[in-house]
Amino acid sequence: MSGSTPNPSQQPPPYRPYRLQQTLSHHSRAVSCVKFSTDGRLLASASLDSTVIIYSTAALSSPISTLSGHSAGVSDLAWSHDSHYLASASDDRTLRLWDLRRPPSFDCVRVLRGHSHFVFCAAFSPQSSLLASGGFDRTLRVWELTTGKCLRAVDAHQEPVTSVHFIRDGSIIVSGSHDGRCKIWDAATGACLKTLIDDDKPAVSFAQFSPNGRFILVATLDNTLKLWNYSTGKFLKIYTGHVNKVYCITSTFSVTNGKYIVSGSEDNCVYLWDLQGKNMVQRLEGHTDTVISVSCHPHENKIASAGLDNDRTVKIWVQDSA
């Protein structure tokens, strides 16, 4: 093959539409978060009903277990990178660490106390030795999981911390806040390395490193998603079309069949954009309230989405085989 002839294998795969495969209706209140485990074998959903429900992705129709122990709604979930542990962040001001290796009991092995207000977000380090959390007390906290000790408590923002996420090598943490800022923190020292301030300062509802660690996906309460090159401080891509003015809606990267951005929306839909082209490729309809959370399966072309109180379901979307 000549050097001037493009290699077909280098072309992005054609987009295949998603369709609704399954609806899971096991929570009694709004579903606040849904997350596939890192190995893809389990799916966890959190709810304002104070519970976390665990499903096997091989048989989603019936839950494996319902994790109880929180005394208020659960806002966020985080899986360890070996899929052995699940952390839950709650309005009861605690985080709970669950051992997922012994079904169906899935014991709570640690309760992390220290936040003085709602705990809103959580994320494991890639080594699964640390857990970062943020909340309405405006702090970023880093916990050592073997001891449950809070290693660092940083007065991070002027408003609630809405998201935390480790980069792929665990060296830095990004936090987002209603104060309109994203900040980059040294995970080892807690030092603030960089602050991103948008000119208009809309509240930051979500921030996450890209899988390759080079970019940060930032959601703001002005119906906008941006891809930020944090080393240069420049926004590279802007994704619009969804509705996000009120809630901290999560978004994520889909990398199993091409590269896409996936987000929930306040118009009760799930949106997908081509990462490079920025064009919207599909809007998934089916929920009856704001889609607050989305999660992409790590290996399969599958999306889970979660709806608020007028919906209370988790929906599973799949692509048909080519």
Protein backbone atom coordinates (compact mmCIF):
# COMPACT_ATOMS: atom_id res chain seq x y z
CA MET A 1 0.00 0.00 0.00
CA SER A 2 1.44 3.37 -0.96
CA GLY A 3 2.09 6.00 1.65
CA SER A 4 -0.49 8.34 0.14
CA THR A 5 -3.34 5.85 0.45
CA PRO A 6 -5.22 6.08 3.75
CA ASN A 7 -5.38 2.95 5.82
CA PRO A 8 -9.07 2.03 6.28
CA SER A 9 -8.31 0.67 9.75
CA GLN A 10 -7.34 4.19 10.84
CA GLN A 11 -10.73 5.64 9.95
CA PRO A 12 -13.15 6.08 12.85
CA PRO A 13 -15.85 3.40 12.88
CA PRO A 14 -19.25 4.50 11.57
CA TYR A 15 -21.63 5.60 14.30
CA ARG A 16 -24.22 2.99 15.26
CA PRO A 17 -27.28 4.32 17.09
CA TYR A 18 -28.08 3.22 20.62
CA ARG A 19 -31.46 1.77 21.54
CA LEU A 20 -33.17 1.19 24.88
CA GLN A 21 -32.57 -2.37 26.05
CA GLN A 22 -33.81 -2.40 29.63
CA THR A 23 -35.39 -0.28 32.37
CA LEU A 24 -34.53 -0.97 36.02
CA SER A 25 -37.08 0.30 38.55
CA HIS A 26 -35.82 -0.72 41.98
CA HIS A 27 -35.33 2.64 43.75
CA SER A 28 -38.13 4.46 45.57
CA ARG A 29 -36.65 7.94 45.07
CA ALA A 30 -34.56 9.82 42.50
CA VAL A 31 -31.59 7.87 41.17
CA SER A 32 -28.66 10.23 41.72
CA CYS A 33 -25.78 8.22 40.29
CA VAL A 34 -25.12 5.13 38.17
CA LYS A 35 -21.66 3.60 37.60
CA PHE A 36 -20.34 0.49 35.88
CA SER A 37 -17.50 -1.19 37.77
CA THR A 38 -14.04 -0.83 36.29
CA ASP A 39 -14.05 -4.46 35.10
CA GLY A 40 -17.59 -4.10 33.71
CA ARG A 41 -19.04 -7.01 35.68
CA LEU A 42 -21.20 -4.95 38.06
CA LEU A 43 -23.43 -1.90 37.91
CA ALA A 44 -24.17 0.25 40.95
CA SER A 45 -26.91 2.84 41.37
CA ALA A 46 -27.32 5.35 44.20
CA SER A 47 -30.48 7.11 45.24
CA LEU A 48 -32.06 9.72 47.47
CA ASP A 49 -33.76 6.73 49.13
CA SER A 50 -30.40 6.29 51.00
CA THR A 51 -29.55 2.98 49.34
CA VAL A 52 -27.09 1.68 46.78
CA ILE A 53 -28.22 -1.17 44.53
CA ILE A 54 -25.77 -3.60 42.93
CA TYR A 55 -26.54 -5.45 39.69
CA SER A 56 -24.65 -8.06 37.72
CA THR A 57 -24.25 -6.83 34.15
CA ALA A 58 -24.76 -10.44 33.04
CA ALA A 59 -28.31 -10.42 34.45
CA LEU A 60 -29.56 -6.90 35.13
CA SER A 61 -33.24 -7.65 35.71
CA SER A 62 -32.82 -8.48 39.41
CA PRO A 63 -30.43 -6.76 41.85
CA ILE A 64 -27.73 -8.81 43.53
CA SER A 65 -27.84 -6.70 46.68
CA THR A 66 -29.16 -3.50 48.23
CA LEU A 67 -26.58 -1.71 50.38
CA SER A 68 -28.14 0.03 53.36
CA GLY A 69 -26.50 2.06 56.10
CA HIS A 70 -26.60 5.68 55.03
CA SER A 71 -29.14 7.80 56.91
CA ALA A 72 -29.70 10.26 54.05
CA GLY A 73 -29.60 10.34 50.28
CA VAL A 74 -26.54 9.10 48.39
CA SER A 75 -25.18 11.55 45.79
CA ASP A 76 -22.18 9.83 44.23
CA LEU A 77 -20.41 6.51 43.78
CA ALA A 78 -16.81 5.60 42.98
CA TRP A 79 -15.35 2.21 42.05
CA SER A 80 -11.81 1.21 42.95
CA HIS A 81 -9.75 0.37 39.89
CA ASP A 82 -9.62 -3.32 40.79
CA SER A 83 -13.44 -3.28 41.22
CA HIS A 84 -13.05 -4.71 44.73
CA TYR A 85 -14.45 -1.67 46.52
CA LEU A 86 -17.25 0.83 46.06
CA ALA A 87 -17.37 4.18 47.83
CA SER A 88 -20.65 6.02 48.42
CA ALA A 89 -20.95 9.73 49.26
CA SER A 90 -23.99 10.84 51.21
CA ASP A 91 -25.94 13.78 52.59
CA ASP A 92 -25.42 12.17 56.02
CA ARG A 93 -21.91 13.74 55.85
CA THR A 94 -20.14 10.40 55.54
CA LEU A 95 -18.58 8.19 52.91
CA ARG A 96 -18.97 4.45 53.15
CA LEU A 97 -16.57 1.90 51.73
CA TRP A 98 -18.13 -1.39 50.63
CA ASP A 99 -16.24 -4.63 49.94
CA LEU A 100 -17.70 -6.10 46.74
CA ARG A 101 -15.69 -9.31 46.78
CA ARG A 102 -18.08 -11.36 48.91
CA PRO A 103 -21.57 -11.44 47.41
CA PRO A 104 -24.26 -11.03 48.34
CA SER A 105 -23.46 -9.41 51.71
CA PHE A 106 -21.06 -6.76 50.34
CA ASP A 107 -20.08 -5.55 53.80
CA CYS A 108 -19.49 -1.94 54.74
CA VAL A 109 -15.85 -2.10 55.84
CA ARG A 110 -15.28 1.55 56.67
CA VAL A 111 -17.21 4.75 57.40
CA LEU A 112 -15.26 7.93 56.64
CA ARG A 113 -16.23 10.88 58.84
CA GLY A 114 -14.92 14.43 58.68
CA HIS A 115 -17.01 16.46 56.27
CA SER A 116 -19.19 19.01 58.08
CA HIS A 117 -21.91 19.11 55.39
CA PHE A 118 -23.29 16.97 52.55
CA VAL A 119 -20.66 14.82 50.82
CA PHE A 120 -21.38 15.30 47.13
CA CYS A 121 -18.60 13.62 45.13
CA ALA A 122 -15.91 10.96 45.41
CA ALA A 123 -13.16 9.38 43.31
CA PHE A 124 -10.54 6.67 43.84
CA SER A 125 -6.89 7.09 42.95
CA PRO A 126 -5.75 4.75 40.15
CA GLN A 127 -3.82 2.73 42.75
CA SER A 128 -7.05 2.41 44.79
CA SER A 129 -5.12 3.42 47.92
CA LEU A 130 -6.63 6.89 48.22
CA LEU A 131 -10.11 8.34 47.98
CA ALA A 132 -10.81 11.99 47.21
CA SER A 133 -14.09 13.60 48.24
CA GLY A 134 -15.76 16.98 48.06
CA GLY A 135 -18.92 18.48 49.39
CA PHE A 136 -21.02 21.35 50.58
CA ASP A 137 -18.48 22.23 53.26
CA ARG A 138 -16.35 23.52 50.33
CA THR A 139 -13.45 21.22 51.19
CA LEU A 140 -11.50 18.67 49.20
CA ARG A 141 -10.48 15.73 51.34
CA VAL A 142 -8.07 12.89 50.64
CA TRP A 143 -8.50 9.67 52.61
CA GLU A 144 -6.15 6.75 53.19
CA LEU A 145 -8.28 3.66 52.72
CA THR A 146 -6.24 1.17 54.73
CA THR A 147 -6.71 3.26 57.89
CA GLY A 148 -9.70 5.45 57.05
CA LYS A 149 -7.61 8.46 58.05
CA CYS A 150 -8.18 11.82 56.39
CA LEU A 151 -4.70 12.71 55.11
CA ARG A 152 -5.61 16.18 53.87
CA ALA A 153 -8.55 18.54 54.21
CA VAL A 154 -8.19 21.52 51.90
CA ASP A 155 -10.39 24.61 51.90
CA ALA A 156 -10.71 24.25 48.15
CA HIS A 157 -13.48 26.52 46.93
CA GLN A 158 -15.80 29.38 47.87
CA GLU A 159 -18.92 27.33 47.07
CA PRO A 160 -19.80 23.59 47.22
CA VAL A 161 -17.37 21.19 45.56
CA THR A 162 -19.34 19.43 42.83
CA SER A 163 -16.78 16.97 41.45
CA VAL A 164 -13.36 15.45 42.08
CA HIS A 165 -11.30 13.20 39.82
CA PHE A 166 -7.75 11.77 39.75
CA ILE A 167 -5.61 11.84 36.63
CA ARG A 168 -4.64 8.41 35.29
CA ASP A 169 -1.27 8.27 37.13
CA GLY A 170 -2.78 9.56 40.38
CA SER A 171 -0.44 12.56 40.67
CA ILE A 172 -3.04 15.33 40.46
CA ILE A 173 -6.72 15.85 41.24
CA VAL A 174 -9.20 18.14 39.50
CA SER A 175 -12.05 19.70 41.46
CA GLY A 176 -15.03 21.65 40.19
CA SER A 177 -17.26 23.99 42.15
CA HIS A 178 -20.33 26.17 42.04
CA ASP A 179 -17.93 29.10 42.42
CA GLY A 180 -17.20 28.76 38.69
CA ARG A 181 -13.69 27.41 39.08
CA CYS A 182 -11.84 24.22 38.29
CA LYS A 183 -8.69 23.69 40.28
CA ILE A 184 -5.78 21.28 39.85
CA TRP A 185 -4.29 19.90 43.07
CA ASP A 186 -1.10 18.03 43.84
CA ALA A 187 -2.42 14.74 45.22
CA ALA A 188 0.63 14.22 47.45
CA THR A 189 0.76 17.65 49.10
CA GLY A 190 -2.67 19.22 48.59
CA ALA A 191 -1.08 22.25 46.94
CA CYS A 192 -3.16 24.09 44.34
CA LEU A 193 -1.20 23.95 41.08
CA LYS A 194 -3.57 25.77 38.75
CA THR A 195 -6.96 27.51 38.73
CA LEU A 196 -9.21 27.78 35.72
CA ILE A 197 -11.65 30.68 35.78
CA ASP A 198 -14.08 31.12 32.92
CA ASP A 199 -14.77 34.71 31.91
CA ASP A 200 -18.49 34.39 32.61
CA LYS A 201 -17.96 32.25 35.72
CA PRO A 202 -20.94 29.89 35.34
CA ALA A 203 -21.09 27.30 38.10
CA VAL A 204 -19.02 24.20 37.34
CA SER A 205 -21.26 21.18 37.74
CA PHE A 206 -18.80 18.46 36.73
CA ALA A 207 -15.13 17.98 35.80
CA GLN A 208 -13.27 14.84 34.75
CA PHE A 209 -9.90 14.00 33.21
CA SER A 210 -9.96 12.39 29.78
CA PRO A 211 -8.84 8.74 29.64
CA ASN A 212 -5.42 9.75 28.27
CA GLY A 213 -5.00 12.37 31.00
CA ARG A 214 -4.33 15.25 28.59
CA PHE A 215 -7.66 17.05 28.85
CA ILE A 216 -10.44 17.84 31.29
CA LEU A 217 -14.11 17.67 30.41
CA VAL A 218 -15.91 20.51 32.20
CA ALA A 219 -19.69 20.92 32.48
CA THR A 220 -21.10 24.31 33.43
CA LEU A 221 -24.61 25.47 34.31
CA ASP A 222 -25.00 27.37 31.04
CA ASN A 223 -25.90 24.33 28.88
CA THR A 224 -22.26 23.81 27.91
CA LEU A 225 -19.62 21.08 27.97
CA LYS A 226 -16.02 22.05 27.24
CA LEU A 227 -12.86 20.07 26.64
CA TRP A 228 -10.00 21.90 28.36
CA ASN A 229 -6.30 21.51 27.66
CA TYR A 230 -5.29 22.32 31.22
CA SER A 231 -1.56 22.50 30.44
CA THR A 232 -2.16 25.47 28.08
CA GLY A 233 -5.30 26.76 29.78
CA LYS A 234 -7.26 26.73 26.50
CA PHE A 235 -10.63 25.24 25.66
CA LEU A 236 -10.35 23.02 22.59
CA LYS A 237 -13.93 21.87 22.01
CA ILE A 238 -17.39 23.04 23.06
CA TYR A 239 -20.40 20.70 23.05
CA THR A 240 -23.94 22.11 23.19
CA GLY A 241 -27.53 21.08 22.54
CA HIS A 242 -28.38 19.58 25.91
CA VAL A 243 -30.04 21.45 28.79
CA ASN A 244 -28.04 21.98 32.00
CA LYS A 245 -28.88 25.02 34.12
CA VAL A 246 -29.88 23.63 37.51
CA TYR A 247 -28.44 20.22 38.35
CA CYS A 248 -24.92 18.80 38.60
CA ILE A 249 -25.27 16.42 35.67
CA THR A 250 -22.40 14.03 35.04
CA SER A 251 -20.88 13.45 31.63
CA THR A 252 -18.31 10.94 30.45
CA PHE A 253 -16.20 9.60 27.61
CA SER A 254 -17.29 6.68 25.44
CA VAL A 255 -14.28 4.93 23.88
CA THR A 256 -15.45 1.40 23.03
CA ASN A 257 -16.58 2.19 19.48
CA GLY A 258 -15.05 5.48 18.42
CA LYS A 259 -14.68 8.46 20.75
CA TYR A 260 -17.77 10.25 22.00
CA ILE A 261 -18.92 12.53 24.79
CA VAL A 262 -22.03 11.36 26.67
CA SER A 263 -24.14 13.49 29.01
CA GLY A 264 -27.49 13.59 30.72
CA SER A 265 -29.80 16.56 30.29
CA GLU A 266 -32.63 18.42 31.99
CA ASP A 267 -34.90 17.74 29.00
CA ASN A 268 -35.01 14.07 30.13
CA CYS A 269 -32.65 12.84 27.39
CA VAL A 270 -29.15 11.42 26.99
CA TYR A 271 -26.93 13.22 24.48
CA LEU A 272 -23.97 11.89 22.51
CA TRP A 273 -21.45 14.02 20.60
CA ASP A 274 -18.54 13.08 18.36
CA LEU A 275 -15.52 14.04 20.46
CA GLN A 276 -13.46 15.46 17.61
CA GLY A 277 -16.21 16.84 15.39
CA LYS A 278 -18.26 18.30 18.28
CA ASN A 279 -21.46 17.41 16.37
CA MET A 280 -24.31 15.76 18.23
CA VAL A 281 -24.78 12.23 16.90
CA GLN A 282 -27.77 11.03 18.94
CA ARG A 283 -30.32 12.02 21.56
CA LEU A 284 -31.77 9.13 23.57
CA GLU A 285 -35.36 9.61 24.70
CA GLY A 286 -37.17 7.55 27.32
CA HIS A 287 -36.70 9.04 30.78
CA THR A 288 -39.49 11.12 32.34
CA ASP A 289 -37.30 13.44 34.43
CA THR A 290 -33.83 14.99 34.31
CA VAL A 291 -31.10 12.49 33.43
CA ILE A 292 -28.63 13.27 36.19
CA SER A 293 -26.01 10.57 35.63
CA VAL A 294 -24.60 8.48 32.79
CA SER A 295 -22.00 5.71 32.72
CA CYS A 296 -20.38 3.90 29.80
CA HIS A 297 -19.44 0.23 30.05
CA PRO A 298 -15.64 -0.14 29.91
CA HIS A 299 -15.64 -2.86 27.22
CA GLU A 300 -19.08 -3.07 25.62
CA ASN A 301 -21.08 -0.51 23.66
CA LYS A 302 -23.49 0.03 26.52
CA ILE A 303 -24.67 3.12 28.44
CA ALA A 304 -26.50 3.33 31.76
CA SER A 305 -28.49 6.46 32.64
CA ALA A 306 -30.33 7.57 35.77
CA GLY A 307 -33.41 9.74 36.26
CA LEU A 308 -34.60 12.01 39.07
CA ASP A 309 -37.73 11.79 41.23
CA ASN A 310 -40.39 11.78 38.51
CA ASP A 311 -38.57 8.91 36.81
CA ARG A 312 -36.64 6.89 39.44
CA THR A 313 -35.25 4.45 36.88
CA VAL A 314 -31.96 3.29 35.49
CA LYS A 315 -32.06 2.70 31.75
CA ILE A 316 -29.65 0.54 29.78
CA TRP A 317 -28.89 1.52 26.18
CA VAL A 318 -27.04 -0.69 23.71
CA GLN A 319 -25.77 -0.57 20.14
CA ASP A 320 -26.79 -3.34 17.79
CA SER A 321 -23.90 -5.34 16.38
CA ALA A 322 -22.59 -4.23 13.02
